[in-house]
Amino acid sequence: MLIVMDHRATPEEIERVVETIGEMGYGAQPIPGRQRTAVGLVGNDGRVESARLEGLPGVREVIRVSKPYKQVSREWRDEDTLVDVGNGTVLGGREVVLMAGPCAVEGRDQILQIAAQVRDAGASVLRGGAFKPRTSPYSFQGLGEKGLELLALAREETGLAVVTEAVDSESVALVAEYADIVQIGARNMQNYPLLKRAGRAGKPVLLKRGMSATINELLLAAEYLLSAGNPNVILCERGVRSFDTQTRNLLDLTAVPLVKSLTHLPIVADPSHGTGVRTKVTPMARAAVAAGADGLVVEVHPDPPTALSDGAQSLYPEQFAELVAQCGPIAEAIGRSLASAVQRTT
């Protein structure tokens, strides 16, 4: 339920609404807007007497939120959420943010080299896995905390923000200590204890869509994060499982405009996992920008054939530079531009 205040409502009238909701046994969350403030009622069990709220001074109207997800929906907040990731880069605004780097951190030289290369090409955020949940238990599982330390070093040397995955509730605090954005991977989209813990981590969260998840399930997973107190959530379309074996996944770009119509949260696209094929990454990146994605997550490796993880879908640095060059004019054609950390940090 959303209590919309009149644009002339005083702070005392808003506080009265918050106190009344508390007296009724529910939580209240003020939502300041450009023209007026709304107050969200959290924990509605269907027994709320709206008349008690409608009669309070300064209340313009009471709206029942019809979606199963509440705080995530545009009914709750119509204005787009802007997520600041710490190095001057903001997701959800006019700029399209590029997140790039290797699937896994493999060593000091590798991560420092690729961080400098993707930054110079136009990336604002460095992606790289320190913990790697793999389908096979015998595959490379990542460097753990050492990998996090190397990502932090790369941030110091390049000015890039860092996004990396937390694979369980226990690793969230450690990842949050080193990273600017905590990633929740596709396999963990519905790991609810992990979502609750990430929601309390105090860092923006990149939430990837599960391999077989519906849009409603993705948004309900995001609701866990917001309900735990974290408004800085970035959604990610990374492809869903299909019956065709020509590509790794089916990159569902319909999800981009659909999600943007349903939620105020930003959404990025991952054409690397969405296709799993190096030659298909750039075409789908172009399509994602045209569809309105707020950013791209792209795997880039100095030498993909030797990569310890996902080499087949990783771009060479020069291919990433070409991707950036091709996506820039597309962003401009729809009234946007590509973000760049280089101008802000050097």
Protein backbone atom coordinates (compact mmCIF):
# COMPACT_ATOMS: atom_id res chain seq x y z
CA MET A 1 0.00 0.00 0.00
CA LEU A 2 1.21 3.49 -0.90
CA ILE A 3 0.07 6.65 0.87
CA VAL A 4 0.58 9.59 -1.48
CA MET A 5 0.98 12.92 0.28
CA ASP A 6 -0.17 16.26 -1.05
CA HIS A 7 2.65 18.37 -2.50
CA ARG A 8 1.99 20.91 0.28
CA ALA A 9 2.19 18.30 3.07
CA THR A 10 4.42 19.35 5.95
CA PRO A 11 7.15 17.20 7.50
CA GLU A 12 4.95 16.91 10.59
CA GLU A 13 2.05 15.55 8.52
CA ILE A 14 4.34 13.01 6.86
CA GLU A 15 5.67 11.95 10.27
CA ARG A 16 2.08 11.57 11.51
CA VAL A 17 1.40 9.09 8.70
CA VAL A 18 4.58 7.16 9.56
CA GLU A 19 3.59 7.02 13.25
CA THR A 20 0.06 5.89 12.44
CA ILE A 21 1.32 3.05 10.28
CA GLY A 22 3.59 2.00 13.15
CA GLU A 23 0.64 2.07 15.56
CA MET A 24 -1.23 -0.23 13.18
CA GLY A 25 1.59 -2.75 13.46
CA TYR A 26 3.23 -2.25 10.07
CA GLY A 27 6.43 -0.73 8.75
CA ALA A 28 6.57 2.67 7.03
CA GLN A 29 9.04 3.86 4.41
CA PRO A 30 8.94 7.50 3.24
CA ILE A 31 9.69 7.84 -0.49
CA PRO A 32 10.62 11.43 -1.40
CA GLY A 33 9.79 12.45 -4.97
CA ARG A 34 10.37 15.47 -7.16
CA GLN A 35 6.91 16.93 -6.52
CA ARG A 36 5.57 15.08 -3.50
CA THR A 37 6.42 12.46 -0.90
CA ALA A 38 4.78 9.05 -0.66
CA VAL A 39 4.90 6.67 2.29
CA GLY A 40 5.03 2.95 1.63
CA LEU A 41 3.31 0.60 4.03
CA VAL A 42 5.47 -2.50 4.44
CA GLY A 43 4.12 -5.84 5.65
CA ASN A 44 0.53 -5.46 4.48
CA ASP A 45 -1.32 -8.67 5.35
CA GLY A 46 -4.54 -7.62 3.66
CA ARG A 47 -6.20 -6.32 6.82
CA VAL A 48 -5.14 -2.67 6.62
CA GLU A 49 -7.98 -0.18 7.19
CA SER A 50 -7.19 2.43 4.56
CA ALA A 51 -9.83 4.84 5.91
CA ARG A 52 -7.68 5.49 8.98
CA LEU A 53 -4.89 6.70 6.71
CA GLU A 54 -7.06 8.50 4.16
CA GLY A 55 -8.39 10.80 6.87
CA LEU A 56 -5.00 12.03 8.05
CA PRO A 57 -3.96 15.63 7.27
CA GLY A 58 -1.83 16.00 4.15
CA VAL A 59 -2.83 12.65 2.60
CA ARG A 60 -3.80 12.97 -1.05
CA GLU A 61 -4.71 9.35 -1.80
CA VAL A 62 -4.10 5.75 -0.76
CA ILE A 63 -3.09 3.33 -3.51
CA ARG A 64 -3.12 -0.43 -3.17
CA VAL A 65 -0.09 -1.96 -4.90
CA SER A 66 -1.38 -4.80 -7.06
CA LYS A 67 1.93 -6.42 -7.97
CA PRO A 68 3.26 -9.35 -5.86
CA TYR A 69 6.49 -7.37 -5.56
CA LYS A 70 5.92 -4.05 -3.80
CA GLN A 71 9.00 -1.86 -3.30
CA VAL A 72 10.41 -2.94 -6.66
CA SER A 73 7.35 -1.88 -8.64
CA ARG A 74 6.69 1.39 -10.44
CA GLU A 75 3.46 1.60 -8.48
CA TRP A 76 5.63 2.06 -5.40
CA ARG A 77 8.13 4.44 -7.02
CA ASP A 78 7.67 5.88 -10.48
CA GLU A 79 11.02 7.73 -10.68
CA ASP A 80 13.98 5.70 -11.92
CA THR A 81 16.41 4.59 -9.21
CA LEU A 82 19.95 5.85 -9.77
CA VAL A 83 22.65 3.56 -8.37
CA ASP A 84 25.99 5.24 -7.61
CA VAL A 85 28.74 2.62 -7.57
CA GLY A 86 31.41 4.75 -5.97
CA ASN A 87 33.74 6.10 -8.66
CA GLY A 88 31.36 8.65 -10.12
CA THR A 89 29.59 6.04 -12.23
CA VAL A 90 25.80 5.99 -11.93
CA LEU A 91 23.50 3.31 -13.33
CA GLY A 92 19.92 4.05 -14.29
CA GLY A 93 20.44 7.50 -15.75
CA ARG A 94 21.22 8.75 -19.23
CA GLU A 95 24.62 7.06 -19.46
CA VAL A 96 25.07 3.41 -20.47
CA VAL A 97 27.65 1.83 -18.17
CA LEU A 98 30.18 -0.73 -19.41
CA MET A 99 31.31 -3.45 -17.00
CA ALA A 100 34.14 -5.53 -18.40
CA GLY A 101 36.87 -7.92 -17.40
CA PRO A 102 37.71 -11.61 -17.19
CA CYS A 103 35.36 -14.30 -15.97
CA ALA A 104 37.86 -15.15 -13.23
CA VAL A 105 40.79 -13.41 -11.59
CA GLU A 106 43.75 -15.64 -12.43
CA GLY A 107 46.71 -13.60 -11.18
CA ARG A 108 48.17 -10.16 -10.57
CA ASP A 109 49.54 -9.49 -14.06
CA GLN A 110 46.39 -10.75 -15.77
CA ILE A 111 43.92 -8.61 -13.81
CA LEU A 112 46.05 -5.45 -13.87
CA GLN A 113 46.64 -5.78 -17.60
CA ILE A 114 43.01 -6.32 -18.52
CA ALA A 115 41.77 -3.66 -16.09
CA ALA A 116 43.91 -1.03 -17.80
CA GLN A 117 42.85 -2.22 -21.23
CA VAL A 118 39.09 -2.18 -20.59
CA ARG A 119 39.36 1.20 -18.84
CA ASP A 120 41.21 2.66 -21.81
CA ALA A 121 38.53 1.26 -24.12
CA GLY A 122 35.74 2.93 -22.12
CA ALA A 123 34.68 0.66 -19.25
CA SER A 124 33.70 2.20 -15.93
CA VAL A 125 33.46 -1.00 -13.90
CA LEU A 126 35.82 -3.98 -13.68
CA ARG A 127 34.17 -7.38 -13.47
CA GLY A 128 36.01 -10.51 -12.36
CA GLY A 129 35.27 -13.55 -10.26
CA ALA A 130 37.21 -14.30 -7.08
CA PHE A 131 34.77 -17.06 -6.12
CA LYS A 132 33.61 -19.17 -9.05
CA PRO A 133 30.59 -21.46 -8.62
CA ARG A 134 31.09 -23.93 -11.46
CA THR A 135 28.90 -26.69 -12.83
CA SER A 136 31.73 -29.19 -12.41
CA PRO A 137 33.41 -29.54 -9.00
CA TYR A 138 36.69 -30.15 -10.84
CA SER A 139 36.69 -26.79 -12.67
CA PHE A 140 38.68 -23.78 -11.49
CA GLN A 141 36.88 -22.36 -8.43
CA GLY A 142 38.66 -19.01 -8.18
CA LEU A 143 41.38 -17.49 -5.98
CA GLY A 144 39.06 -16.51 -3.12
CA GLU A 145 40.23 -13.65 -0.90
CA LYS A 146 43.48 -13.36 -2.85
CA GLY A 147 41.39 -12.64 -5.93
CA LEU A 148 39.48 -9.95 -4.03
CA GLU A 149 42.76 -8.34 -3.00
CA LEU A 150 43.88 -8.27 -6.63
CA LEU A 151 40.60 -6.68 -7.72
CA ALA A 152 41.06 -3.98 -5.08
CA LEU A 153 44.60 -3.40 -6.36
CA ALA A 154 43.27 -3.05 -9.90
CA ARG A 155 40.76 -0.48 -8.68
CA GLU A 156 43.56 1.53 -7.05
CA GLU A 157 45.60 1.57 -10.26
CA THR A 158 42.78 2.25 -12.74
CA GLY A 159 39.96 4.04 -10.90
CA LEU A 160 37.46 1.42 -12.04
CA ALA A 161 34.71 0.32 -9.67
CA VAL A 162 34.70 -3.43 -8.95
CA VAL A 163 31.85 -5.94 -9.23
CA THR A 164 32.39 -9.53 -8.10
CA GLU A 165 30.23 -12.40 -6.93
CA ALA A 166 29.35 -13.56 -3.44
CA VAL A 167 28.45 -17.24 -3.64
CA ASP A 168 26.96 -17.77 -0.17
CA SER A 169 25.83 -15.86 2.90
CA GLU A 170 29.20 -16.33 4.59
CA SER A 171 31.14 -14.66 1.75
CA VAL A 172 28.95 -11.53 1.47
CA ALA A 173 30.77 -9.52 4.15
CA LEU A 174 34.17 -10.40 2.67
CA VAL A 175 33.11 -9.47 -0.85
CA ALA A 176 31.53 -6.22 0.38
CA GLU A 177 34.80 -5.34 2.10
CA TYR A 178 36.69 -5.35 -1.21
CA ALA A 179 34.09 -4.73 -3.94
CA ASP A 180 31.94 -1.75 -4.90
CA ILE A 181 29.11 -3.96 -6.18
CA VAL A 182 28.16 -7.37 -4.80
CA GLN A 183 27.03 -9.72 -7.55
CA ILE A 184 24.41 -12.42 -7.01
CA GLY A 185 24.86 -14.98 -9.79
CA ALA A 186 22.19 -16.72 -11.82
CA ARG A 187 22.52 -19.94 -9.83
CA ASN A 188 21.81 -18.02 -6.61
CA MET A 189 18.99 -15.76 -7.74
CA GLN A 190 16.55 -17.60 -5.48
CA ASN A 191 18.98 -18.26 -2.63
CA TYR A 192 16.84 -16.29 -0.18
CA PRO A 193 19.21 -16.32 2.83
CA LEU A 194 21.94 -14.97 0.52
CA LEU A 195 19.59 -12.28 -0.81
CA LYS A 196 18.65 -11.18 2.70
CA ARG A 197 22.31 -11.01 3.73
CA ALA A 198 23.27 -9.07 0.58
CA GLY A 199 20.41 -6.69 1.28
CA ARG A 200 22.11 -5.79 4.57
CA ALA A 201 25.63 -5.52 3.15
CA GLY A 202 25.57 -1.77 2.56
CA LYS A 203 26.79 -2.06 -1.03
CA PRO A 204 24.94 -1.97 -4.38
CA VAL A 205 23.91 -5.42 -5.60
CA LEU A 206 23.96 -6.75 -9.17
CA LEU A 207 21.26 -9.42 -9.36
CA LYS A 208 21.45 -11.80 -12.31
CA ARG A 209 18.34 -13.48 -13.68
CA GLY A 210 18.22 -17.21 -13.04
CA MET A 211 18.67 -19.60 -15.93
CA SER A 212 14.98 -20.59 -15.92
CA ALA A 213 13.50 -17.65 -14.03
CA THR A 214 10.46 -15.68 -15.10
CA ILE A 215 10.45 -11.88 -14.93
CA ASN A 216 8.14 -12.03 -11.90
CA GLU A 217 10.59 -14.35 -10.13
CA LEU A 218 13.47 -11.98 -10.89
CA LEU A 219 11.56 -9.01 -9.50
CA LEU A 220 10.49 -10.95 -6.42
CA ALA A 221 14.14 -11.86 -5.81
CA ALA A 222 14.94 -8.15 -6.03
CA GLU A 223 12.16 -7.50 -3.53
CA TYR A 224 14.12 -9.55 -0.98
CA LEU A 225 17.02 -7.14 -1.36
CA LEU A 226 14.91 -4.01 -1.04
CA SER A 227 12.88 -5.38 1.86
CA ALA A 228 16.17 -6.03 3.69
CA GLY A 229 16.99 -2.34 3.39
CA ASN A 230 19.03 -2.07 0.18
CA PRO A 231 17.54 0.27 -2.47
CA ASN A 232 20.64 0.07 -4.71
CA VAL A 233 19.84 -2.95 -6.84
CA ILE A 234 20.87 -3.49 -10.47
CA LEU A 235 19.08 -6.21 -12.41
CA CYS A 236 20.86 -8.24 -15.09
CA GLU A 237 19.46 -10.15 -18.06
CA ARG A 238 22.08 -12.84 -18.78
CA GLY A 239 20.15 -15.30 -20.89
CA VAL A 240 17.75 -18.11 -20.05
CA ARG A 241 17.98 -21.79 -20.81
CA SER A 242 16.45 -22.91 -24.10
CA PHE A 243 16.17 -26.07 -26.18
CA ASP A 244 18.60 -24.86 -28.84
CA THR A 245 22.24 -25.86 -28.45
CA GLN A 246 23.77 -23.40 -30.93
CA THR A 247 24.36 -20.85 -28.16
CA ARG A 248 24.93 -21.22 -24.42
CA ASN A 249 21.68 -19.44 -23.51
CA LEU A 250 18.89 -17.43 -25.09
CA LEU A 251 19.53 -13.74 -24.39
CA ASP A 252 16.03 -12.44 -23.70
CA LEU A 253 16.27 -8.80 -24.73
CA THR A 254 12.49 -8.45 -24.48
CA ALA A 255 13.17 -8.48 -20.76
CA VAL A 256 14.91 -5.09 -20.95
CA PRO A 257 11.97 -2.86 -21.98
CA LEU A 258 9.55 -5.10 -20.08
CA VAL A 259 11.47 -4.83 -16.82
CA LYS A 260 11.87 -1.07 -17.27
CA SER A 261 8.10 -0.74 -17.56
CA LEU A 262 7.50 -2.77 -14.38
CA THR A 263 10.24 -1.51 -12.05
CA HIS A 264 12.21 1.64 -11.27
CA LEU A 265 15.43 -0.38 -10.90
CA PRO A 266 18.13 -0.22 -13.61
CA ILE A 267 18.75 -3.28 -15.78
CA VAL A 268 21.93 -4.30 -17.60
CA ALA A 269 22.52 -7.05 -20.15
CA ASP A 270 25.22 -9.73 -20.23
CA PRO A 271 25.75 -10.74 -23.87
CA SER A 272 28.72 -12.93 -22.91
CA HIS A 273 26.74 -15.43 -20.81
CA GLY A 274 23.69 -14.72 -22.95
CA THR A 275 25.34 -16.26 -26.01
CA GLY A 276 28.46 -18.11 -24.86
CA VAL A 277 29.95 -17.51 -28.31
CA ARG A 278 32.60 -14.82 -28.82
CA THR A 279 31.41 -13.80 -32.28
CA LYS A 280 27.86 -13.24 -31.04
CA VAL A 281 28.74 -10.99 -28.10
CA THR A 282 29.17 -7.70 -29.96
CA PRO A 283 25.98 -8.02 -32.09
CA MET A 284 23.92 -8.74 -28.98
CA ALA A 285 25.62 -5.92 -27.08
CA ARG A 286 24.51 -3.55 -29.84
CA ALA A 287 20.98 -4.92 -29.62
CA ALA A 288 20.93 -4.58 -25.83
CA VAL A 289 21.88 -0.91 -25.98
CA ALA A 290 19.21 -0.33 -28.63
CA ALA A 291 16.66 -2.09 -26.41
CA GLY A 292 17.38 0.36 -23.60
CA ALA A 293 19.75 -1.51 -21.29
CA ASP A 294 21.37 0.72 -18.69
CA GLY A 295 24.67 -1.12 -19.04
CA LEU A 296 26.54 -4.09 -20.43
CA VAL A 297 28.48 -6.83 -18.63
CA VAL A 298 31.14 -8.18 -20.99
CA GLU A 299 33.83 -10.78 -20.43
CA VAL A 300 37.24 -9.69 -21.76
CA HIS A 301 40.50 -11.63 -21.35
CA PRO A 302 44.07 -10.83 -22.49
CA ASP A 303 44.34 -14.27 -24.10
CA PRO A 304 40.96 -16.08 -24.22
CA PRO A 305 42.31 -19.48 -25.37
CA THR A 306 44.27 -19.76 -22.11
CA ALA A 307 41.48 -18.51 -19.84
CA LEU A 308 40.73 -20.73 -16.86
CA SER A 309 37.01 -19.98 -17.20
CA ASP A 310 34.67 -19.10 -20.11
CA GLY A 311 37.38 -18.51 -22.70
CA ALA A 312 35.02 -19.29 -25.59
CA GLN A 313 32.81 -16.30 -24.82
CA SER A 314 35.54 -13.87 -23.74
CA LEU A 315 36.49 -11.06 -26.10
CA TYR A 316 40.05 -10.06 -26.93
CA PRO A 317 40.79 -6.50 -25.74
CA GLU A 318 40.74 -5.16 -29.29
CA GLN A 319 37.33 -6.77 -29.85
CA PHE A 320 36.00 -5.05 -26.74
CA ALA A 321 37.30 -1.72 -28.04
CA GLU A 322 35.41 -2.34 -31.26
CA LEU A 323 32.25 -3.22 -29.30
CA VAL A 324 32.50 0.12 -27.52
CA ALA A 325 33.00 1.96 -30.79
CA GLN A 326 29.90 0.32 -32.27
CA CYS A 327 27.66 0.78 -29.24
CA GLY A 328 28.44 4.49 -28.81
CA PRO A 329 26.50 5.71 -31.87
CA ILE A 330 23.57 3.45 -30.99
CA ALA A 331 23.37 4.98 -27.51
CA GLU A 332 23.49 8.46 -29.03
CA ALA A 333 20.71 7.57 -31.48
CA ILE A 334 18.33 6.94 -28.56
CA GLY A 335 19.38 9.99 -26.60
CA ARG A 336 21.99 8.39 -24.36
CA SER A 337 25.77 8.10 -24.20
CA LEU A 338 28.35 5.64 -22.96
CA ALA A 339 29.73 6.33 -19.49
CA SER A 340 33.50 6.56 -19.04
CA ALA A 341 35.43 6.38 -15.78
CA VAL A 342 38.61 7.57 -17.48
CA GLN A 343 37.52 11.21 -17.65
CA ARG A 344 36.48 11.21 -14.00
CA THR A 345 39.48 9.51 -12.43
CA THR A 346 42.55 10.49 -14.46
